[in-house]
Amino acid sequence: MELYKLSAAELAKMLREGKCTSTQILDSIYERIDAVEDKVEAFVTITKEQAYAKAKEIDEKFARGEKLHPLAGIPIAIKDNICTKDVLTTCSSKMLYNFVPPYDATVMQKLNDCGAILVGKTNMDEFAMGSSTETSYFKKTKNPRGLDRVPGGSSGGSAAAVAAGEAPISLGSDTGGSIRQPASFCGVVGLKPTYGAVSRYGLVAFASSLDQIGPFGRTVEDVAMLFSAICGRDPMDATSSKHEHEDVMAALNGDVKGLRIGIPAEYFGDGIDAEVKESVMAAVKKLEEQGAIVKEISLPSTKYALPAYYIIASAEASSNLARFDGVKYGYRAKEFTDLTDMYERTRSEGFGEEVKRRIMLGTFVLSSGYYDAYYNRAKLLQRQIADEFAKGFEECDIMITPTSPSTAFKFGANSSDPVKMYAADICTINVNIAGLPGISVPCGVGADGMPIGMQMIGPKFSEATLLRTAANYEKICGGFGSVADLD
């Protein structure tokens, strides 16, 4: 079998048994990228020279018999809003088209210490604002499961790279569903960790109280392996938690007997495609047959989550993006009359339409006279949503919902209607609002042949329980790990 088709865990085992080298794995990955990247367009930047230099170093360590981390020698793709030292980091925006960070994000430093190998930076919605990767300044990433379909967003490139076999694992970021929704659309596994479980230092900020870095993989084991490498307290990030994380790799071997699964009624109502509901409930039934206990619960404030999310996220975005002014780095307008004109022209030319829309909305809700009417009420609702989840988890250990209301839609289907596009995140945004962990796993295929995703949500820092449940379902259904056929 071609090495690019194997999971990260399988590749790690082969490396330790001397059945292949890191360089040979890279050869297979880059041959795959050469073969399919013009169809998928998952990457903004390819780091081939740097990758081979690191692979050579890892191979030499294996040859000397050194004991290395399981991720040593494993290729990984990184979303292009995560800072990588001396490697272009653009956020898929004209504003940062030439930005090369002088430092690594904490997650990158951890991966470098583990010996993982960066193969490239992946395409995304501009500044992570979007649900389809159509707002990227550079290109539109295609869904490997159907090239006329979007891969989801904003981490569409990271999900597509894994689904296409261009990398066994990848990192994305999730502000309102940007890991889980593309994982659902592309038929891979995606984990959004608890807020604060993974350092955000070096992640270009969209909405600081909602953003969270997390892993993609074609198997639950790969996602668990990557999460265990990047989680933990970071003194460089004041919002990172001191929580002692459970051994998620050991948790994969547990069962679901006695696990209490809550089914929130609000996630199975109008707006969710019938085939999505049926696939998710069929998956729940399989877990029930393994000894899980299923009961219906209610989260009444779910219907208010979408407006609350976009008020909070846009408000924080308008503040975070104020730093992009053309003065110290990034794009600067070529013609201007004075400093104020330079600011205006730079930001008008450098940002895309969706980013400007959210900056304007965020500035409005924070303005004098509207702060209490919009932003303050949204923050109060955020507390109410978090309290409802906490109450719900008194009755259950995890909750299961659809990841997305539908399968991946075609290019252009929602791009002209921002509200319709925003609704694509209706099943995922509550998890970010409440700061909870969530994982999406494939649970079926729609009539259009596209994957359907099931979302599992847990209390804060319950990643081990979510991964254990996901691993059990993976065994029941016979595995998730196929690479998309792009021939």
Protein backbone atom coordinates (compact mmCIF):
# COMPACT_ATOMS: atom_id res chain seq x y z
CA MET A 1 0.00 0.00 0.00
CA GLU A 2 1.13 3.55 -0.72
CA LEU A 3 2.46 5.19 2.43
CA TYR A 4 0.28 8.29 1.98
CA LYS A 5 -2.81 6.11 2.51
CA LEU A 6 -1.73 5.02 6.00
CA SER A 7 -2.70 6.68 9.26
CA ALA A 8 -0.20 8.57 11.39
CA ALA A 9 -0.28 5.76 13.97
CA GLU A 10 0.44 3.13 11.31
CA LEU A 11 3.32 5.21 9.93
CA ALA A 12 4.75 5.69 13.43
CA LYS A 13 4.70 1.91 13.97
CA MET A 14 6.45 1.27 10.66
CA LEU A 15 9.14 3.81 11.47
CA ARG A 16 9.89 2.11 14.77
CA GLU A 17 9.97 -1.32 13.15
CA GLY A 18 12.38 -0.08 10.50
CA LYS A 19 9.94 -0.84 7.67
CA CYS A 20 10.25 2.65 6.21
CA THR A 21 12.06 5.93 6.76
CA SER A 22 10.71 9.41 7.32
CA THR A 23 12.19 10.42 3.98
CA GLN A 24 10.29 7.63 2.22
CA ILE A 25 7.05 8.78 3.88
CA LEU A 26 7.72 12.32 2.66
CA ASP A 27 8.41 11.01 -0.84
CA SER A 28 4.98 9.38 -0.89
CA ILE A 29 3.25 12.48 0.53
CA TYR A 30 4.85 14.90 -1.93
CA GLU A 31 4.19 12.55 -4.85
CA ARG A 32 0.55 12.57 -3.77
CA ILE A 33 0.56 16.36 -3.49
CA ASP A 34 2.07 16.64 -6.97
CA ALA A 35 -0.63 14.31 -8.30
CA VAL A 36 -3.75 15.88 -6.75
CA GLU A 37 -3.02 19.38 -5.49
CA ASP A 38 -4.02 21.04 -8.74
CA LYS A 39 -7.48 19.45 -8.24
CA VAL A 40 -7.85 20.03 -4.48
CA GLU A 41 -5.84 23.25 -3.91
CA ALA A 42 -5.49 22.61 -0.18
CA PHE A 43 -2.20 24.44 0.31
CA VAL A 44 -1.11 28.07 0.24
CA THR A 45 2.57 27.23 0.84
CA ILE A 46 4.55 23.99 0.39
CA THR A 47 7.63 23.60 2.65
CA LYS A 48 9.42 20.84 0.75
CA GLU A 49 13.05 21.84 1.35
CA GLN A 50 12.54 22.37 5.06
CA ALA A 51 10.58 19.10 5.36
CA TYR A 52 13.29 16.96 3.78
CA ALA A 53 15.95 18.53 5.98
CA LYS A 54 13.90 17.62 9.07
CA ALA A 55 13.21 14.10 7.73
CA LYS A 56 16.92 13.48 7.26
CA GLU A 57 17.55 14.58 10.84
CA ILE A 58 14.83 12.26 12.17
CA ASP A 59 16.09 9.31 10.11
CA GLU A 60 19.57 9.80 11.56
CA LYS A 61 18.14 9.74 15.08
CA PHE A 62 16.24 6.51 14.36
CA ALA A 63 19.44 5.01 12.92
CA ARG A 64 21.25 5.81 16.17
CA GLY A 65 18.53 4.03 18.12
CA GLU A 66 17.22 7.12 19.88
CA LYS A 67 13.83 6.88 21.56
CA LEU A 68 11.57 9.43 19.85
CA HIS A 69 8.04 10.75 20.24
CA PRO A 70 5.33 8.85 18.31
CA LEU A 71 4.92 11.90 16.02
CA ALA A 72 8.61 11.94 15.08
CA GLY A 73 8.94 11.71 11.31
CA ILE A 74 5.19 12.12 10.71
CA PRO A 75 4.15 14.72 8.10
CA ILE A 76 1.63 17.35 9.21
CA ALA A 77 -0.18 20.21 7.47
CA ILE A 78 -0.82 23.45 9.38
CA LYS A 79 -3.61 26.00 8.90
CA ASP A 80 -2.21 29.26 7.60
CA ASN A 81 -3.26 31.33 10.61
CA ILE A 82 -0.83 29.50 12.91
CA CYS A 83 2.55 31.23 13.03
CA THR A 84 5.49 29.25 11.67
CA LYS A 85 8.97 30.72 12.06
CA ASP A 86 10.53 31.70 8.72
CA VAL A 87 7.55 30.26 6.82
CA LEU A 88 4.89 32.44 5.18
CA THR A 89 1.75 32.83 7.31
CA THR A 90 -0.93 34.67 5.32
CA CYS A 91 -4.32 33.88 6.93
CA SER A 92 -5.28 33.53 3.23
CA SER A 93 -5.52 37.31 3.05
CA LYS A 94 -4.04 39.96 0.79
CA MET A 95 -3.36 41.85 4.02
CA LEU A 96 -0.71 39.30 5.08
CA TYR A 97 0.37 38.06 1.64
CA ASN A 98 4.08 38.58 2.51
CA PHE A 99 4.14 38.03 6.30
CA VAL A 100 6.88 35.71 7.56
CA PRO A 101 6.71 35.32 11.36
CA PRO A 102 9.96 35.57 13.35
CA TYR A 103 8.66 32.98 15.86
CA ASP A 104 6.69 29.74 16.13
CA ALA A 105 3.27 29.39 17.71
CA THR A 106 3.40 27.28 20.87
CA VAL A 107 1.70 24.36 19.12
CA MET A 108 4.35 24.50 16.39
CA GLN A 109 7.13 24.56 18.96
CA LYS A 110 5.62 21.48 20.60
CA LEU A 111 5.31 19.68 17.27
CA ASN A 112 8.87 20.59 16.34
CA ASP A 113 10.05 19.20 19.69
CA CYS A 114 8.12 15.99 18.95
CA GLY A 115 9.83 15.68 15.56
CA ALA A 116 6.71 16.14 13.42
CA ILE A 117 7.43 17.42 9.91
CA LEU A 118 5.66 20.44 8.41
CA VAL A 119 4.74 19.69 4.79
CA GLY A 120 2.90 22.95 4.11
CA LYS A 121 0.46 25.65 5.22
CA THR A 122 -3.17 25.10 4.31
CA ASN A 123 -5.73 27.37 2.69
CA MET A 124 -8.58 28.83 4.74
CA ASP A 125 -11.33 31.42 4.73
CA GLU A 126 -9.70 34.84 5.06
CA PHE A 127 -8.79 35.45 8.71
CA ALA A 128 -10.91 32.35 9.50
CA MET A 129 -14.11 34.20 8.59
CA GLY A 130 -16.27 31.84 6.57
CA SER A 131 -17.78 28.39 6.38
CA SER A 132 -16.69 27.22 2.93
CA THR A 133 -13.08 28.40 2.27
CA GLU A 134 -14.53 30.55 -0.51
CA THR A 135 -13.37 33.82 1.08
CA SER A 136 -9.65 33.00 0.68
CA TYR A 137 -7.77 35.66 -1.27
CA PHE A 138 -5.63 33.04 -3.03
CA LYS A 139 -7.79 30.11 -4.14
CA LYS A 140 -10.89 28.03 -3.49
CA THR A 141 -10.07 24.67 -1.95
CA LYS A 142 -12.16 21.79 -3.35
CA ASN A 143 -13.72 18.98 -1.35
CA PRO A 144 -11.79 15.77 -2.21
CA ARG A 145 -15.01 13.74 -1.85
CA GLY A 146 -16.68 15.83 -4.56
CA LEU A 147 -14.67 18.47 -6.41
CA ASP A 148 -17.75 20.57 -7.18
CA ARG A 149 -18.41 20.91 -3.43
CA VAL A 150 -16.92 23.16 -0.77
CA PRO A 151 -14.69 21.55 1.88
CA GLY A 152 -16.28 23.60 4.65
CA GLY A 153 -14.53 26.29 6.57
CA SER A 154 -12.72 28.07 7.80
CA SER A 155 -10.25 25.17 8.12
CA GLY A 156 -11.20 23.76 4.73
CA GLY A 157 -7.62 23.34 3.53
CA SER A 158 -6.60 21.34 6.60
CA ALA A 159 -9.58 18.99 6.30
CA ALA A 160 -9.17 18.60 2.54
CA ALA A 161 -5.44 17.83 2.82
CA VAL A 162 -6.16 14.94 5.20
CA ALA A 163 -9.09 13.61 3.15
CA ALA A 164 -7.04 13.77 -0.06
CA GLY A 165 -4.03 11.94 1.42
CA GLU A 166 -1.81 15.02 1.17
CA ALA A 167 -1.07 14.72 4.90
CA PRO A 168 -2.07 12.09 7.47
CA ILE A 169 -2.84 14.72 10.13
CA SER A 170 -3.28 18.48 10.27
CA LEU A 171 -4.07 21.37 12.59
CA GLY A 172 -6.93 23.81 12.19
CA SER A 173 -8.62 26.40 14.36
CA ASP A 174 -12.24 26.48 15.50
CA THR A 175 -14.10 29.69 16.39
CA GLY A 176 -17.67 28.58 15.66
CA GLY A 177 -17.26 25.16 14.05
CA SER A 178 -14.26 25.68 11.78
CA ILE A 179 -12.74 22.28 12.58
CA ARG A 180 -15.86 20.17 13.05
CA GLN A 181 -17.87 21.43 10.05
CA PRO A 182 -15.08 20.84 7.46
CA ALA A 183 -14.35 17.48 9.10
CA SER A 184 -18.00 16.59 8.52
CA PHE A 185 -17.98 17.84 4.91
CA CYS A 186 -14.73 16.03 4.03
CA GLY A 187 -15.42 12.78 5.89
CA VAL A 188 -12.58 12.97 8.42
CA VAL A 189 -12.30 13.28 12.21
CA GLY A 190 -11.94 16.75 13.75
CA LEU A 191 -11.62 17.72 17.42
CA LYS A 192 -12.35 21.15 18.87
CA PRO A 193 -10.76 21.04 22.36
CA THR A 194 -12.02 22.76 25.49
CA TYR A 195 -11.28 26.50 25.48
CA GLY A 196 -7.90 26.86 27.14
CA ALA A 197 -6.84 23.22 26.66
CA VAL A 198 -4.47 24.16 23.80
CA SER A 199 -2.38 27.34 23.73
CA ARG A 200 -3.50 30.08 21.33
CA TYR A 201 -0.10 31.81 21.43
CA GLY A 202 0.89 32.35 17.81
CA LEU A 203 -2.63 31.85 16.46
CA VAL A 204 -3.65 34.96 14.51
CA ALA A 205 -6.69 36.07 16.49
CA PHE A 206 -10.20 36.21 15.07
CA ALA A 207 -12.38 36.14 18.22
CA SER A 208 -10.14 35.64 21.23
CA SER A 209 -12.78 34.29 23.61
CA LEU A 210 -13.91 31.66 21.09
CA ASP A 211 -10.82 30.62 19.06
CA GLN A 212 -9.27 27.21 19.71
CA ILE A 213 -6.61 25.19 17.85
CA GLY A 214 -7.37 21.51 17.27
CA PRO A 215 -6.45 18.40 15.23
CA PHE A 216 -7.73 16.62 12.12
CA GLY A 217 -7.05 12.99 11.22
CA ARG A 218 -8.56 10.11 9.29
CA THR A 219 -8.76 8.04 12.49
CA VAL A 220 -9.67 8.79 16.11
CA GLU A 221 -6.30 7.44 17.25
CA ASP A 222 -4.46 9.97 15.07
CA VAL A 223 -6.53 12.83 16.46
CA ALA A 224 -5.89 11.65 20.02
CA MET A 225 -2.17 11.35 19.37
CA LEU A 226 -1.99 14.88 17.98
CA PHE A 227 -4.14 16.38 20.74
CA SER A 228 -1.99 14.79 23.45
CA ALA A 229 1.08 16.42 21.89
CA ILE A 230 -0.29 19.97 21.77
CA CYS A 231 -2.47 20.29 24.89
CA GLY A 232 -1.35 21.77 28.20
CA ARG A 233 -0.62 24.97 30.06
CA ASP A 234 1.41 27.67 28.30
CA PRO A 235 2.80 30.69 30.21
CA MET A 236 2.67 32.64 26.93
CA ASP A 237 -1.14 32.35 26.85
CA ALA A 238 -3.00 33.74 29.87
CA THR A 239 -6.16 31.91 28.81
CA SER A 240 -4.55 28.46 28.71
CA SER A 241 -5.62 26.19 31.54
CA LYS A 242 -3.53 24.48 34.21
CA HIS A 243 -5.82 21.44 33.98
CA GLU A 244 -4.11 18.05 34.24
CA HIS A 245 -5.28 16.23 31.12
CA GLU A 246 -6.28 12.58 31.23
CA ASP A 247 -4.26 10.14 29.10
CA VAL A 248 -6.39 10.23 25.96
CA MET A 249 -4.44 7.44 24.26
CA ALA A 250 -5.20 5.03 27.12
CA ALA A 251 -8.84 6.13 27.07
CA LEU A 252 -9.27 4.82 23.51
CA ASN A 253 -9.35 1.26 24.83
CA GLY A 254 -12.41 1.81 27.04
CA ASP A 255 -16.01 0.93 26.22
CA VAL A 256 -19.30 2.88 26.29
CA LYS A 257 -21.20 0.61 28.68
CA GLY A 258 -23.23 2.84 30.98
CA LEU A 259 -22.29 6.02 29.11
CA ARG A 260 -25.21 8.47 29.30
CA ILE A 261 -25.86 10.11 25.92
CA GLY A 262 -28.11 13.16 25.73
CA ILE A 263 -29.95 13.99 22.51
CA PRO A 264 -30.81 17.74 22.48
CA ALA A 265 -34.21 18.04 20.78
CA GLU A 266 -33.37 21.50 19.39
CA TYR A 267 -30.64 20.03 17.14
CA PHE A 268 -33.04 17.70 15.33
CA GLY A 269 -35.77 20.17 14.37
CA ASP A 270 -36.47 22.31 11.32
CA GLY A 271 -33.49 23.22 9.18
CA ILE A 272 -31.70 19.89 9.59
CA ASP A 273 -31.89 17.61 6.54
CA ALA A 274 -33.85 14.41 7.12
CA GLU A 275 -31.01 12.19 5.92
CA VAL A 276 -28.64 13.88 8.39
CA LYS A 277 -31.01 13.25 11.31
CA GLU A 278 -31.47 9.63 10.25
CA SER A 279 -27.74 8.95 9.93
CA VAL A 280 -26.93 10.49 13.31
CA MET A 281 -29.73 8.64 15.11
CA ALA A 282 -28.69 5.37 13.45
CA ALA A 283 -25.18 5.93 14.84
CA VAL A 284 -26.61 6.67 18.29
CA LYS A 285 -28.58 3.42 18.07
CA LYS A 286 -25.35 1.50 17.47
CA LEU A 287 -23.78 3.05 20.57
CA GLU A 288 -26.91 2.16 22.53
CA GLU A 289 -26.52 -1.44 21.42
CA GLN A 290 -23.03 -1.37 22.97
CA GLY A 291 -24.47 -0.45 26.37
CA ALA A 292 -24.83 3.34 26.21
CA ILE A 293 -27.92 4.89 27.78
CA VAL A 294 -29.75 7.38 25.54
CA LYS A 295 -32.21 10.06 26.62
CA GLU A 296 -33.65 13.22 25.10
CA ILE A 297 -32.74 16.55 26.72
CA SER A 298 -33.44 20.21 25.97
CA LEU A 299 -31.22 23.27 25.44
CA PRO A 300 -33.87 26.00 25.01
CA SER A 301 -31.50 28.89 24.20
CA THR A 302 -30.12 27.14 21.13
CA LYS A 303 -32.35 29.22 18.85
CA TYR A 304 -30.66 32.42 20.04
CA ALA A 305 -27.11 31.15 19.62
CA LEU A 306 -26.52 32.22 16.02
CA PRO A 307 -27.14 35.98 16.52
CA ALA A 308 -25.30 35.93 19.87
CA TYR A 309 -22.30 34.25 18.29
CA TYR A 310 -22.02 36.65 15.37
CA ILE A 311 -22.33 39.68 17.65
CA ILE A 312 -19.58 38.44 19.98
CA ALA A 313 -17.30 37.13 17.23
CA SER A 314 -17.64 40.24 15.07
CA ALA A 315 -17.06 42.56 18.04
CA GLU A 316 -13.84 40.77 18.94
CA ALA A 317 -12.78 40.61 15.28
CA SER A 318 -13.17 44.36 14.86
CA SER A 319 -10.78 44.87 17.78
CA ASN A 320 -8.30 42.16 16.82
CA LEU A 321 -8.04 43.27 13.18
CA ALA A 322 -7.37 46.91 14.08
CA ARG A 323 -3.66 46.06 14.18
CA PHE A 324 -3.53 45.44 10.43
CA ASP A 325 -2.91 48.99 9.27
CA GLY A 326 -0.02 48.77 6.80
CA VAL A 327 2.50 50.37 9.13
CA LYS A 328 4.82 47.61 10.39
CA TYR A 329 4.05 44.55 8.28
CA GLY A 330 1.75 43.12 5.66
CA TYR A 331 0.07 44.87 2.76
CA ARG A 332 0.29 48.66 2.32
CA ALA A 333 -1.58 50.68 -0.30
CA LYS A 334 0.77 52.00 -2.95
CA GLU A 335 -0.89 55.40 -3.37
CA PHE A 336 -2.08 57.66 -0.54
CA THR A 337 -1.97 61.32 0.45
CA ASP A 338 -1.42 61.19 4.22
CA LEU A 339 -1.40 58.79 7.16
CA THR A 340 -5.18 58.60 7.52
CA ASP A 341 -5.59 58.01 3.80
CA MET A 342 -2.94 55.27 3.97
CA TYR A 343 -4.89 53.51 6.75
CA GLU A 344 -8.17 53.74 4.84
CA ARG A 345 -6.78 52.60 1.50
CA THR A 346 -4.70 49.80 3.02
CA ARG A 347 -7.61 48.30 4.93
CA SER A 348 -10.07 48.81 2.05
CA GLU A 349 -7.75 47.10 -0.43
CA GLY A 350 -6.21 44.52 1.92
CA PHE A 351 -9.34 42.99 3.44
CA GLY A 352 -11.93 40.97 1.54
CA GLU A 353 -15.67 41.58 1.59
CA GLU A 354 -16.52 39.12 4.37
CA VAL A 355 -13.82 40.46 6.68
CA LYS A 356 -14.95 44.04 6.10
CA ARG A 357 -18.55 43.02 6.75
CA ARG A 358 -17.65 41.57 10.13
CA ILE A 359 -15.42 44.50 11.09
CA MET A 360 -18.28 46.89 10.36
CA LEU A 361 -20.80 44.77 12.28
CA GLY A 362 -18.43 44.43 15.23
CA THR A 363 -17.66 48.14 15.33
CA PHE A 364 -21.40 48.90 15.25
CA VAL A 365 -22.34 46.61 18.17
CA LEU A 366 -19.50 48.05 20.28
CA SER A 367 -20.36 51.67 19.52
CA SER A 368 -21.81 54.10 22.03
CA GLY A 369 -25.56 53.70 22.26
CA TYR A 370 -25.60 50.14 20.89
CA TYR A 371 -23.22 48.32 23.27
CA ASP A 372 -25.92 47.46 25.82
CA ALA A 373 -28.56 46.69 23.22
CA TYR A 374 -26.38 44.19 21.32
CA TYR A 375 -22.99 43.20 22.72
CA ASN A 376 -23.91 43.19 26.40
CA ARG A 377 -27.10 41.19 25.74
CA ALA A 378 -25.13 38.69 23.65
CA LYS A 379 -22.66 38.18 26.51
CA LEU A 380 -25.54 37.61 28.94
CA LEU A 381 -26.94 35.02 26.53
CA GLN A 382 -23.51 33.39 26.36
CA ARG A 383 -23.69 32.83 30.12
CA GLN A 384 -27.23 31.43 29.80
CA ILE A 385 -26.16 28.98 27.08
CA ALA A 386 -23.20 27.81 29.19
CA ASP A 387 -25.49 27.32 32.20
CA GLU A 388 -27.94 25.26 30.11
CA PHE A 389 -25.13 22.97 28.98
CA ALA A 390 -23.93 22.59 32.56
CA LYS A 391 -27.45 21.65 33.66
CA GLY A 392 -27.75 19.23 30.72
CA PHE A 393 -24.54 17.47 31.72
CA GLU A 394 -26.08 16.68 35.10
CA GLU A 395 -28.30 14.27 33.17
CA CYS A 396 -25.77 12.92 30.65
CA ASP A 397 -22.05 12.37 30.09
CA ILE A 398 -21.98 13.55 26.48
CA MET A 399 -24.43 14.98 23.96
CA ILE A 400 -24.76 13.90 20.34
CA THR A 401 -26.02 16.12 17.51
CA PRO A 402 -25.51 16.53 13.77
CA THR A 403 -22.30 18.42 12.97
CA SER A 404 -23.87 20.31 10.08
CA PRO A 405 -27.47 20.71 8.90
CA SER A 406 -26.56 19.23 5.51
CA THR A 407 -23.82 17.61 3.50
CA ALA A 408 -21.28 19.79 1.68
CA PHE A 409 -22.98 22.29 -0.61
CA LYS A 410 -21.84 23.29 -4.09
CA PHE A 411 -19.62 26.29 -4.77
CA GLY A 412 -21.59 29.52 -4.93
CA ALA A 413 -24.72 28.02 -3.35
CA ASN A 414 -24.53 30.17 -0.21
CA SER A 415 -21.80 32.73 -0.96
CA SER A 416 -24.22 35.44 -2.11
CA ASP A 417 -26.33 35.14 1.05
CA PRO A 418 -24.28 35.77 4.22
CA VAL A 419 -27.12 34.81 6.58
CA LYS A 420 -27.61 31.47 4.81
CA MET A 421 -23.84 30.87 5.00
CA TYR A 422 -23.79 31.70 8.71
CA ALA A 423 -26.59 29.16 9.30
CA ALA A 424 -24.19 26.39 8.20
CA ASP A 425 -22.65 26.69 11.69
CA ILE A 426 -25.92 26.40 13.61
CA CYS A 427 -25.01 23.01 15.11
CA THR A 428 -21.48 23.94 16.19
CA ILE A 429 -21.41 27.52 17.51
CA ASN A 430 -22.94 26.74 20.92
CA VAL A 431 -19.92 24.61 21.76
CA ASN A 432 -17.60 27.60 21.31
CA ILE A 433 -19.94 29.96 23.13
CA ALA A 434 -19.84 27.63 26.16
CA GLY A 435 -16.11 26.82 25.84
CA LEU A 436 -16.76 23.07 25.55
CA PRO A 437 -14.97 20.30 23.63
CA GLY A 438 -16.60 18.74 20.57
CA ILE A 439 -15.61 16.13 18.02
CA SER A 440 -17.03 15.33 14.59
CA VAL A 441 -16.83 11.82 13.16
CA PRO A 442 -18.23 10.45 9.87
CA CYS A 443 -21.51 8.59 10.41
CA GLY A 444 -22.97 8.11 6.95
CA VAL A 445 -23.27 9.24 3.35
CA GLY A 446 -26.00 11.41 1.86
CA ALA A 447 -27.97 10.78 -1.31
CA ASP A 448 -25.47 13.03 -3.10
CA GLY A 449 -22.60 10.72 -2.09
CA MET A 450 -21.13 13.25 0.35
CA PRO A 451 -20.21 12.46 3.98
CA ILE A 452 -22.45 13.14 6.96
CA GLY A 453 -20.89 14.04 10.30
CA MET A 454 -21.96 13.30 13.88
CA GLN A 455 -20.95 15.74 16.63
CA MET A 456 -20.21 14.61 20.18
CA ILE A 457 -20.10 17.32 22.86
CA GLY A 458 -18.79 16.93 26.40
CA PRO A 459 -18.29 18.95 29.58
CA LYS A 460 -15.09 20.97 29.86
CA PHE A 461 -11.93 18.86 29.65
CA SER A 462 -13.79 15.67 28.75
CA GLU A 463 -11.72 15.06 25.60
CA ALA A 464 -10.83 11.56 26.81
CA THR A 465 -14.52 10.60 27.08
CA LEU A 466 -15.30 12.04 23.64
CA LEU A 467 -12.34 10.26 22.03
CA ARG A 468 -13.24 6.99 23.77
CA THR A 469 -16.81 7.22 22.47
CA ALA A 470 -15.63 8.17 18.99
CA ALA A 471 -13.16 5.27 18.98
CA ASN A 472 -15.92 2.85 19.94
CA TYR A 473 -18.13 4.07 17.13
CA GLU A 474 -15.18 3.84 14.73
CA LYS A 475 -14.79 0.16 15.63
CA ILE A 476 -18.53 -0.48 15.26
CA CYS A 477 -18.72 1.02 11.77
CA GLY A 478 -15.46 -0.52 10.58
CA GLY A 479 -13.22 2.55 10.49
CA PHE A 480 -13.13 6.03 9.01
CA GLY A 481 -9.69 6.14 7.45
CA SER A 482 -10.08 6.00 3.67
CA VAL A 483 -8.36 8.48 1.36
CA ALA A 484 -10.56 10.12 -1.26
CA ASP A 485 -10.29 8.65 -4.75
CA LEU A 486 -9.17 11.50 -7.00
CA ASP A 487 -8.10 9.50 -10.06
